[in-house]
Structures are given as C-alpha cells and as structure tokens.
Amino acid sequence: MVKNSFISVSSQEEKEKNKGSVEFQVLRFTNKIRRLTSHLELHKKDYLSQMGLLKTLGKRQRLLAYLSKKNRVRYKELIVKLDIKELKTR
C-alpha cells in the first residue's frame, strides 16, 4: 500500500478544532477512498471493500454538492487542494 498519497494538510490543533467542518470530512473521505483504492488494486475480489468504497464515494459526493451550493469559493479551493474531479451538475 502506498502511504505517500494520503493528505495531511492541517496541523493536529486544526484537526481537533475543525472535525465537523465539511472540508475536514471531505479530506477524511478522500484519504479513505485512496486507501481503499490501493487495497483493491491488490485484492481485486474483495467485494465488501468495493461496497465500502462506493458508499464512501457517495458520501463525499453529497458533501461536495452541499459545499458547492453553499460556498462556491471554498468548494473550488478544496477541489484544487485535494486534486479531485469537479462534480458534474445536472
């Protein structure tokens, strides 16, 4: 598993203070998605992990949709910082 791809953008004090923020939750989901993706590259038939990955992707997508509606500037900064694709809008 590749440990270097995980993101640590904030200090320990900021983590304690901002655990409920949307940005922090998206950061946690992104780290979990990257960890599960690297796990599934080794274990292709681990279907339970695949379902967990899909569930986590959906949660992150809903949080990003919420953030894009509420504050477009913070959304754009987060997308750039985490290097993830922008949401498709209907």
PDB file of N, CA and C in Angstrom:
ATOM      1  N   MET A   1       0.828  -1.175   0.000  1.00  0.00           N
ATOM      2  CA  MET A   1       0.000   0.000   0.000  1.00  0.00           C
ATOM      3  C   MET A   1       0.878   1.245   0.000  1.00  0.00           C
ATOM      4  N   VAL A   2       0.442   2.259  -0.678  1.00  0.00           N
ATOM      5  CA  VAL A   2       1.218   3.485  -0.809  1.00  0.00           C
ATOM      6  C   VAL A   2       0.756   4.474   0.248  1.00  0.00           C
ATOM      7  N   LYS A   3       1.633   4.836   1.147  1.00  0.00           N
ATOM      8  CA  LYS A   3       1.294   5.766   2.222  1.00  0.00           C
ATOM      9  C   LYS A   3       1.480   7.220   1.805  1.00  0.00           C
ATOM     10  N   ASN A   4       2.266   7.477   0.769  1.00  0.00           N
ATOM     11  CA  ASN A   4       2.588   8.842   0.380  1.00  0.00           C
ATOM     12  C   ASN A   4       1.413   9.580  -0.247  1.00  0.00           C
ATOM     13  N   SER A   5       0.412   8.850  -0.725  1.00  0.00           N
ATOM     14  CA  SER A   5      -0.699   9.504  -1.402  1.00  0.00           C
ATOM     15  C   SER A   5      -1.713  10.102  -0.431  1.00  0.00           C
ATOM     16  N   PHE A   6      -1.588   9.803   0.856  1.00  0.00           N
ATOM     17  CA  PHE A   6      -2.522  10.347   1.826  1.00  0.00           C
ATOM     18  C   PHE A   6      -2.176  11.795   2.122  1.00  0.00           C
ATOM     19  N   ILE A   7      -3.194  12.566   2.413  1.00  0.00           N
ATOM     20  CA  ILE A   7      -3.030  14.003   2.525  1.00  0.00           C
ATOM     21  C   ILE A   7      -3.080  14.416   3.990  1.00  0.00           C
ATOM     22  N   SER A   8      -2.113  15.194   4.395  1.00  0.00           N
ATOM     23  CA  SER A   8      -2.122  15.781   5.730  1.00  0.00           C
ATOM     24  C   SER A   8      -1.914  17.275   5.550  1.00  0.00           C
ATOM     25  N   VAL A   9      -3.012  18.009   5.496  1.00  0.00           N
ATOM     26  CA  VAL A   9      -2.920  19.425   5.182  1.00  0.00           C
ATOM     27  C   VAL A   9      -2.972  20.298   6.423  1.00  0.00           C
ATOM     28  N   SER A  10      -3.515  19.805   7.490  1.00  0.00           N
ATOM     29  CA  SER A  10      -3.684  20.655   8.659  1.00  0.00           C
ATOM     30  C   SER A  10      -2.930  20.078   9.848  1.00  0.00           C
ATOM     31  N   SER A  11      -2.638  20.943  10.792  1.00  0.00           N
ATOM     32  CA  SER A  11      -1.921  20.514  11.981  1.00  0.00           C
ATOM     33  C   SER A  11      -2.886  19.799  12.932  1.00  0.00           C
ATOM     34  N   GLN A  12      -2.342  19.232  13.990  1.00  0.00           N
ATOM     35  CA  GLN A  12      -3.156  18.486  14.959  1.00  0.00           C
ATOM     36  C   GLN A  12      -4.157  19.401  15.663  1.00  0.00           C
ATOM     37  N   GLU A  13      -3.765  20.632  15.953  1.00  0.00           N
ATOM     38  CA  GLU A  13      -4.676  21.575  16.617  1.00  0.00           C
ATOM     39  C   GLU A  13      -5.854  21.914  15.713  1.00  0.00           C
ATOM     40  N   GLU A  14      -5.586  22.108  14.429  1.00  0.00           N
ATOM     41  CA  GLU A  14      -6.663  22.411  13.491  1.00  0.00           C
ATOM     42  C   GLU A  14      -7.599  21.223  13.335  1.00  0.00           C
ATOM     43  N   LYS A  15      -7.053  20.012  13.378  1.00  0.00           N
ATOM     44  CA  LYS A  15      -7.893  18.822  13.266  1.00  0.00           C
ATOM     45  C   LYS A  15      -8.869  18.743  14.434  1.00  0.00           C
ATOM     46  N   GLU A  16      -8.383  19.020  15.634  1.00  0.00           N
ATOM     47  CA  GLU A  16      -9.250  18.964  16.807  1.00  0.00           C
ATOM     48  C   GLU A  16     -10.332  20.037  16.739  1.00  0.00           C
ATOM     49  N   LYS A  17     -10.001  21.189  16.191  1.00  0.00           N
ATOM     50  CA  LYS A  17     -10.929  22.310  16.169  1.00  0.00           C
ATOM     51  C   LYS A  17     -11.967  22.169  15.054  1.00  0.00           C
ATOM     52  N   ASN A  18     -11.591  21.600  13.927  1.00  0.00           N
ATOM     53  CA  ASN A  18     -12.442  21.623  12.743  1.00  0.00           C
ATOM     54  C   ASN A  18     -12.960  20.253  12.324  1.00  0.00           C
ATOM     55  N   LYS A  19     -13.155  19.328  13.252  1.00  0.00           N
ATOM     56  CA  LYS A  19     -13.589  17.989  12.877  1.00  0.00           C
ATOM     57  C   LYS A  19     -14.954  17.968  12.211  1.00  0.00           C
ATOM     58  N   GLY A  20     -15.806  18.917  12.505  1.00  0.00           N
ATOM     59  CA  GLY A  20     -17.140  18.914  11.938  1.00  0.00           C
ATOM     60  C   GLY A  20     -17.259  19.666  10.637  1.00  0.00           C
ATOM     61  N   SER A  21     -16.213  20.343  10.219  1.00  0.00           N
ATOM     62  CA  SER A  21     -16.308  21.157   9.003  1.00  0.00           C
ATOM     63  C   SER A  21     -16.415  20.249   7.776  1.00  0.00           C
ATOM     64  N   VAL A  22     -17.046  20.758   6.758  1.00  0.00           N
ATOM     65  CA  VAL A  22     -17.244  19.999   5.524  1.00  0.00           C
ATOM     66  C   VAL A  22     -15.897  19.673   4.893  1.00  0.00           C
ATOM     67  N   GLU A  23     -14.974  20.630   4.907  1.00  0.00           N
ATOM     68  CA  GLU A  23     -13.664  20.403   4.296  1.00  0.00           C
ATOM     69  C   GLU A  23     -12.925  19.253   4.977  1.00  0.00           C
ATOM     70  N   PHE A  24     -12.996  19.209   6.304  1.00  0.00           N
ATOM     71  CA  PHE A  24     -12.306  18.148   7.033  1.00  0.00           C
ATOM     72  C   PHE A  24     -12.938  16.791   6.726  1.00  0.00           C
ATOM     73  N   GLN A  25     -14.260  16.748   6.666  1.00  0.00           N
ATOM     74  CA  GLN A  25     -14.937  15.489   6.365  1.00  0.00           C
ATOM     75  C   GLN A  25     -14.603  15.009   4.952  1.00  0.00           C
ATOM     76  N   VAL A  26     -14.556  15.927   3.996  1.00  0.00           N
ATOM     77  CA  VAL A  26     -14.188  15.548   2.630  1.00  0.00           C
ATOM     78  C   VAL A  26     -12.742  15.058   2.596  1.00  0.00           C
ATOM     79  N   LEU A  27     -11.860  15.692   3.346  1.00  0.00           N
ATOM     80  CA  LEU A  27     -10.467  15.256   3.445  1.00  0.00           C
ATOM     81  C   LEU A  27     -10.384  13.833   3.982  1.00  0.00           C
ATOM     82  N   ARG A  28     -11.130  13.545   5.044  1.00  0.00           N
ATOM     83  CA  ARG A  28     -11.130  12.192   5.619  1.00  0.00           C
ATOM     84  C   ARG A  28     -11.660  11.173   4.628  1.00  0.00           C
ATOM     85  N   PHE A  29     -12.760  11.509   3.927  1.00  0.00           N
ATOM     86  CA  PHE A  29     -13.310  10.591   2.934  1.00  0.00           C
ATOM     87  C   PHE A  29     -12.333  10.377   1.782  1.00  0.00           C
ATOM     88  N   THR A  30     -11.632  11.422   1.375  1.00  0.00           N
ATOM     89  CA  THR A  30     -10.665  11.296   0.286  1.00  0.00           C
ATOM     90  C   THR A  30      -9.521  10.366   0.678  1.00  0.00           C
ATOM     91  N   ASN A  31      -9.029  10.504   1.892  1.00  0.00           N
ATOM     92  CA  ASN A  31      -7.973   9.601   2.367  1.00  0.00           C
ATOM     93  C   ASN A  31      -8.463   8.161   2.410  1.00  0.00           C
ATOM     94  N   LYS A  32      -9.700   7.962   2.871  1.00  0.00           N
ATOM     95  CA  LYS A  32     -10.263   6.616   2.941  1.00  0.00           C
ATOM     96  C   LYS A  32     -10.445   6.033   1.541  1.00  0.00           C
ATOM     97  N   ILE A  33     -10.879   6.865   0.594  1.00  0.00           N
ATOM     98  CA  ILE A  33     -11.068   6.409  -0.788  1.00  0.00           C
ATOM     99  C   ILE A  33      -9.737   6.003  -1.400  1.00  0.00           C
ATOM    100  N   ARG A  34      -8.713   6.792  -1.183  1.00  0.00           N
ATOM    101  CA  ARG A  34      -7.392   6.457  -1.731  1.00  0.00           C
ATOM    102  C   ARG A  34      -6.830   5.186  -1.103  1.00  0.00           C
ATOM    103  N   ARG A  35      -7.063   5.014   0.203  1.00  0.00           N
ATOM    104  CA  ARG A  35      -6.600   3.801   0.878  1.00  0.00           C
ATOM    105  C   ARG A  35      -7.331   2.568   0.344  1.00  0.00           C
ATOM    106  N   LEU A  36      -8.657   2.672   0.183  1.00  0.00           N
ATOM    107  CA  LEU A  36      -9.424   1.548  -0.331  1.00  0.00           C
ATOM    108  C   LEU A  36      -9.075   1.239  -1.782  1.00  0.00           C
ATOM    109  N   THR A  37      -8.800   2.263  -2.565  1.00  0.00           N
ATOM    110  CA  THR A  37      -8.432   2.061  -3.960  1.00  0.00           C
ATOM    111  C   THR A  37      -7.119   1.303  -4.067  1.00  0.00           C
ATOM    112  N   SER A  38      -6.143   1.681  -3.257  1.00  0.00           N
ATOM    113  CA  SER A  38      -4.863   0.968  -3.304  1.00  0.00           C
ATOM    114  C   SER A  38      -5.020  -0.462  -2.777  1.00  0.00           C
ATOM    115  N   HIS A  39      -5.926  -0.673  -1.821  1.00  0.00           N
ATOM    116  CA  HIS A  39      -6.189  -2.019  -1.315  1.00  0.00           C
ATOM    117  C   HIS A  39      -6.836  -2.873  -2.405  1.00  0.00           C
ATOM    118  N   LEU A  40      -7.763  -2.277  -3.151  1.00  0.00           N
ATOM    119  CA  LEU A  40      -8.461  -3.042  -4.183  1.00  0.00           C
ATOM    120  C   LEU A  40      -7.584  -3.344  -5.388  1.00  0.00           C
ATOM    121  N   GLU A  41      -6.511  -2.599  -5.575  1.00  0.00           N
ATOM    122  CA  GLU A  41      -5.569  -2.941  -6.644  1.00  0.00           C
ATOM    123  C   GLU A  41      -4.883  -4.268  -6.349  1.00  0.00           C
ATOM    124  N   LEU A  42      -4.659  -4.556  -5.073  1.00  0.00           N
ATOM    125  CA  LEU A  42      -4.037  -5.820  -4.688  1.00  0.00           C
ATOM    126  C   LEU A  42      -5.059  -6.944  -4.564  1.00  0.00           C
ATOM    127  N   HIS A  43      -6.234  -6.626  -4.040  1.00  0.00           N
ATOM    128  CA  HIS A  43      -7.264  -7.624  -3.754  1.00  0.00           C
ATOM    129  C   HIS A  43      -8.491  -7.325  -4.622  1.00  0.00           C
ATOM    130  N   LYS A  44      -8.456  -7.771  -5.849  1.00  0.00           N
ATOM    131  CA  LYS A  44      -9.495  -7.423  -6.823  1.00  0.00           C
ATOM    132  C   LYS A  44     -10.863  -8.012  -6.488  1.00  0.00           C
ATOM    133  N   LYS A  45     -10.909  -9.122  -5.772  1.00  0.00           N
ATOM    134  CA  LYS A  45     -12.185  -9.777  -5.498  1.00  0.00           C
ATOM    135  C   LYS A  45     -12.732  -9.482  -4.104  1.00  0.00           C
ATOM    136  N   ASP A  46     -12.242  -8.465  -3.471  1.00  0.00           N
ATOM    137  CA  ASP A  46     -12.725  -8.076  -2.146  1.00  0.00           C
ATOM    138  C   ASP A  46     -13.978  -7.212  -2.324  1.00  0.00           C
ATOM    139  N   TYR A  47     -15.126  -7.882  -2.430  1.00  0.00           N
ATOM    140  CA  TYR A  47     -16.360  -7.190  -2.774  1.00  0.00           C
ATOM    141  C   TYR A  47     -16.891  -6.338  -1.627  1.00  0.00           C
ATOM    142  N   LEU A  48     -16.610  -6.720  -0.405  1.00  0.00           N
ATOM    143  CA  LEU A  48     -17.053  -5.918   0.733  1.00  0.00           C
ATOM    144  C   LEU A  48     -16.339  -4.568   0.749  1.00  0.00           C
ATOM    145  N   SER A  49     -15.050  -4.575   0.418  1.00  0.00           N
ATOM    146  CA  SER A  49     -14.317  -3.312   0.332  1.00  0.00           C
ATOM    147  C   SER A  49     -14.799  -2.474  -0.847  1.00  0.00           C
ATOM    148  N   GLN A  50     -15.202  -3.132  -1.925  1.00  0.00           N
ATOM    149  CA  GLN A  50     -15.756  -2.396  -3.069  1.00  0.00           C
ATOM    150  C   GLN A  50     -17.041  -1.672  -2.678  1.00  0.00           C
ATOM    151  N   MET A  51     -17.883  -2.346  -1.912  1.00  0.00           N
ATOM    152  CA  MET A  51     -19.124  -1.708  -1.471  1.00  0.00           C
ATOM    153  C   MET A  51     -18.824  -0.553  -0.516  1.00  0.00           C
ATOM    154  N   GLY A  52     -17.850  -0.724   0.356  1.00  0.00           N
ATOM    155  CA  GLY A  52     -17.447   0.365   1.244  1.00  0.00           C
ATOM    156  C   GLY A  52     -16.906   1.551   0.470  1.00  0.00           C
ATOM    157  N   LEU A  53     -16.171   1.265  -0.596  1.00  0.00           N
ATOM    158  CA  LEU A  53     -15.635   2.334  -1.440  1.00  0.00           C
ATOM    159  C   LEU A  53     -16.764   3.101  -2.117  1.00  0.00           C
ATOM    160  N   LEU A  54     -17.740   2.388  -2.659  1.00  0.00           N
ATOM    161  CA  LEU A  54     -18.869   3.047  -3.315  1.00  0.00           C
ATOM    162  C   LEU A  54     -19.680   3.884  -2.328  1.00  0.00           C
ATOM    163  N   LYS A  55     -19.848   3.375  -1.126  1.00  0.00           N
ATOM    164  CA  LYS A  55     -20.591   4.113  -0.104  1.00  0.00           C
ATOM    165  C   LYS A  55     -19.847   5.394   0.279  1.00  0.00           C
ATOM    166  N   THR A  56     -18.544   5.298   0.431  1.00  0.00           N
ATOM    167  CA  THR A  56     -17.729   6.458   0.778  1.00  0.00           C
ATOM    168  C   THR A  56     -17.706   7.478  -0.352  1.00  0.00           C
ATOM    169  N   LEU A  57     -17.655   7.005  -1.593  1.00  0.00           N
ATOM    170  CA  LEU A  57     -17.697   7.907  -2.738  1.00  0.00           C
ATOM    171  C   LEU A  57     -19.007   8.696  -2.757  1.00  0.00           C
ATOM    172  N   GLY A  58     -20.102   8.025  -2.456  1.00  0.00           N
ATOM    173  CA  GLY A  58     -21.398   8.699  -2.420  1.00  0.00           C
ATOM    174  C   GLY A  58     -21.479   9.742  -1.326  1.00  0.00           C
ATOM    175  N   LYS A  59     -20.939   9.420  -0.163  1.00  0.00           N
ATOM    176  CA  LYS A  59     -20.939  10.391   0.939  1.00  0.00           C
ATOM    177  C   LYS A  59     -20.122  11.621   0.583  1.00  0.00           C
ATOM    178  N   ARG A  60     -18.949  11.385  -0.005  1.00  0.00           N
ATOM    179  CA  ARG A  60     -18.110  12.521  -0.388  1.00  0.00           C
ATOM    180  C   ARG A  60     -18.780  13.354  -1.477  1.00  0.00           C
ATOM    181  N   GLN A  61     -19.439  12.694  -2.405  1.00  0.00           N
ATOM    182  CA  GLN A  61     -20.120  13.405  -3.482  1.00  0.00           C
ATOM    183  C   GLN A  61     -21.247  14.280  -2.920  1.00  0.00           C
ATOM    184  N   ARG A  62     -22.006  13.768  -1.956  1.00  0.00           N
ATOM    185  CA  ARG A  62     -23.081  14.562  -1.362  1.00  0.00           C
ATOM    186  C   ARG A  62     -22.531  15.753  -0.586  1.00  0.00           C
ATOM    187  N   LEU A  63     -21.424  15.553   0.133  1.00  0.00           N
ATOM    188  CA  LEU A  63     -20.819  16.668   0.856  1.00  0.00           C
ATOM    189  C   LEU A  63     -20.286  17.731  -0.101  1.00  0.00           C
ATOM    190  N   LEU A  64     -19.675  17.302  -1.196  1.00  0.00           N
ATOM    191  CA  LEU A  64     -19.171  18.264  -2.177  1.00  0.00           C
ATOM    192  C   LEU A  64     -20.311  19.013  -2.857  1.00  0.00           C
ATOM    193  N   ALA A  65     -21.427  18.335  -3.099  1.00  0.00           N
ATOM    194  CA  ALA A  65     -22.580  19.005  -3.697  1.00  0.00           C
ATOM    195  C   ALA A  65     -23.124  20.058  -2.741  1.00  0.00           C
ATOM    196  N   TYR A  66     -23.178  19.724  -1.459  1.00  0.00           N
ATOM    197  CA  TYR A  66     -23.634  20.675  -0.445  1.00  0.00           C
ATOM    198  C   TYR A  66     -22.717  21.892  -0.400  1.00  0.00           C
ATOM    199  N   LEU A  67     -21.414  21.638  -0.392  1.00  0.00           N
ATOM    200  CA  LEU A  67     -20.450  22.730  -0.318  1.00  0.00           C
ATOM    201  C   LEU A  67     -20.501  23.608  -1.565  1.00  0.00           C
ATOM    202  N   SER A  68     -20.697  23.006  -2.730  1.00  0.00           N
ATOM    203  CA  SER A  68     -20.748  23.803  -3.956  1.00  0.00           C
ATOM    204  C   SER A  68     -21.978  24.694  -3.987  1.00  0.00           C
ATOM    205  N   LYS A  69     -23.070  24.263  -3.369  1.00  0.00           N
ATOM    206  CA  LYS A  69     -24.270  25.102  -3.305  1.00  0.00           C
ATOM    207  C   LYS A  69     -24.108  26.237  -2.302  1.00  0.00           C
ATOM    208  N   LYS A  70     -23.473  25.938  -1.159  1.00  0.00           N
ATOM    209  CA  LYS A  70     -23.377  26.921  -0.081  1.00  0.00           C
ATOM    210  C   LYS A  70     -22.267  27.946  -0.284  1.00  0.00           C
ATOM    211  N   ASN A  71     -21.091  27.461  -0.723  1.00  0.00           N
ATOM    212  CA  ASN A  71     -19.948  28.360  -0.847  1.00  0.00           C
ATOM    213  C   ASN A  71     -19.059  27.883  -1.991  1.00  0.00           C
ATOM    214  N   ARG A  72     -19.243  28.465  -3.154  1.00  0.00           N
ATOM    215  CA  ARG A  72     -18.544  28.022  -4.354  1.00  0.00           C
ATOM    216  C   ARG A  72     -17.026  28.247  -4.273  1.00  0.00           C
ATOM    217  N   VAL A  73     -16.609  29.308  -3.584  1.00  0.00           N
ATOM    218  CA  VAL A  73     -15.177  29.613  -3.478  1.00  0.00           C
ATOM    219  C   VAL A  73     -14.463  28.540  -2.650  1.00  0.00           C
ATOM    220  N   ARG A  74     -15.030  28.207  -1.493  1.00  0.00           N
ATOM    221  CA  ARG A  74     -14.427  27.155  -0.655  1.00  0.00           C
ATOM    222  C   ARG A  74     -14.415  25.824  -1.386  1.00  0.00           C
ATOM    223  N   TYR A  75     -15.460  25.558  -2.161  1.00  0.00           N
ATOM    224  CA  TYR A  75     -15.540  24.328  -2.946  1.00  0.00           C
ATOM    225  C   TYR A  75     -14.403  24.255  -3.957  1.00  0.00           C
ATOM    226  N   LYS A  76     -14.199  25.336  -4.699  1.00  0.00           N
ATOM    227  CA  LYS A  76     -13.133  25.363  -5.714  1.00  0.00           C
ATOM    228  C   LYS A  76     -11.759  25.184  -5.077  1.00  0.00           C
ATOM    229  N   GLU A  77     -11.520  25.846  -3.931  1.00  0.00           N
ATOM    230  CA  GLU A  77     -10.231  25.713  -3.245  1.00  0.00           C
ATOM    231  C   GLU A  77     -10.002  24.279  -2.792  1.00  0.00           C
ATOM    232  N   LEU A  78     -11.047  23.651  -2.286  1.00  0.00           N
ATOM    233  CA  LEU A  78     -10.929  22.277  -1.803  1.00  0.00           C
ATOM    234  C   LEU A  78     -10.651  21.306  -2.950  1.00  0.00           C
ATOM    235  N   ILE A  79     -11.318  21.504  -4.070  1.00  0.00           N
ATOM    236  CA  ILE A  79     -11.116  20.652  -5.243  1.00  0.00           C
ATOM    237  C   ILE A  79      -9.665  20.732  -5.714  1.00  0.00           C
ATOM    238  N   VAL A  80      -9.131  21.941  -5.750  1.00  0.00           N
ATOM    239  CA  VAL A  80      -7.744  22.126  -6.192  1.00  0.00           C
ATOM    240  C   VAL A  80      -6.772  21.517  -5.183  1.00  0.00           C
ATOM    241  N   LYS A  81      -7.028  21.760  -3.890  1.00  0.00           N
ATOM    242  CA  LYS A  81      -6.108  21.286  -2.854  1.00  0.00           C
ATOM    243  C   LYS A  81      -6.058  19.758  -2.794  1.00  0.00           C
ATOM    244  N   LEU A  82      -7.201  19.106  -2.947  1.00  0.00           N
ATOM    245  CA  LEU A  82      -7.243  17.646  -2.842  1.00  0.00           C
ATOM    246  C   LEU A  82      -7.005  16.951  -4.176  1.00  0.00           C
ATOM    247  N   ASP A  83      -6.965  17.712  -5.256  1.00  0.00           N
ATOM    248  CA  ASP A  83      -6.719  17.172  -6.592  1.00  0.00           C
ATOM    249  C   ASP A  83      -7.759  16.104  -6.954  1.00  0.00           C
ATOM    250  N   ILE A  84      -9.035  16.485  -6.834  1.00  0.00           N
ATOM    251  CA  ILE A  84     -10.123  15.594  -7.227  1.00  0.00           C
ATOM    252  C   ILE A  84     -10.946  16.271  -8.307  1.00  0.00           C
ATOM    253  N   LYS A  85     -11.732  15.471  -9.018  1.00  0.00           N
ATOM    254  CA  LYS A  85     -12.521  15.999 -10.127  1.00  0.00           C
ATOM    255  C   LYS A  85     -13.686  16.820  -9.608  1.00  0.00           C
ATOM    256  N   GLU A  86     -14.089  17.771 -10.421  1.00  0.00           N
ATOM    257  CA  GLU A  86     -15.230  18.601 -10.073  1.00  0.00           C
ATOM    258  C   GLU A  86     -16.521  17.827 -10.329  1.00  0.00           C
ATOM    259  N   LEU A  87     -17.542  18.141  -9.540  1.00  0.00           N
ATOM    260  CA  LEU A  87     -18.828  17.473  -9.679  1.00  0.00           C
ATOM    261  C   LEU A  87     -19.483  17.776 -11.007  1.00  0.00           C
ATOM    262  N   LYS A  88     -20.174  16.806 -11.539  1.00  0.00           N
ATOM    263  CA  LYS A  88     -20.983  17.049 -12.728  1.00  0.00           C
ATOM    264  C   LYS A  88     -22.321  17.585 -12.270  1.00  0.00           C
ATOM    265  N   THR A  89     -22.746  18.686 -12.859  1.00  0.00           N
ATOM    266  CA  THR A  89     -24.031  19.254 -12.485  1.00  0.00           C
ATOM    267  C   THR A  89     -25.075  18.883 -13.533  1.00  0.00           C
ATOM    268  N   ARG A  90     -26.302  18.826 -13.080  1.00  0.00           N
ATOM    269  CA  ARG A  90     -27.387  18.461 -13.992  1.00  0.00           C
ATOM    270  C   ARG A  90     -27.801  19.599 -14.849  1.00  0.00           C
TER     271      ARG A  90
END
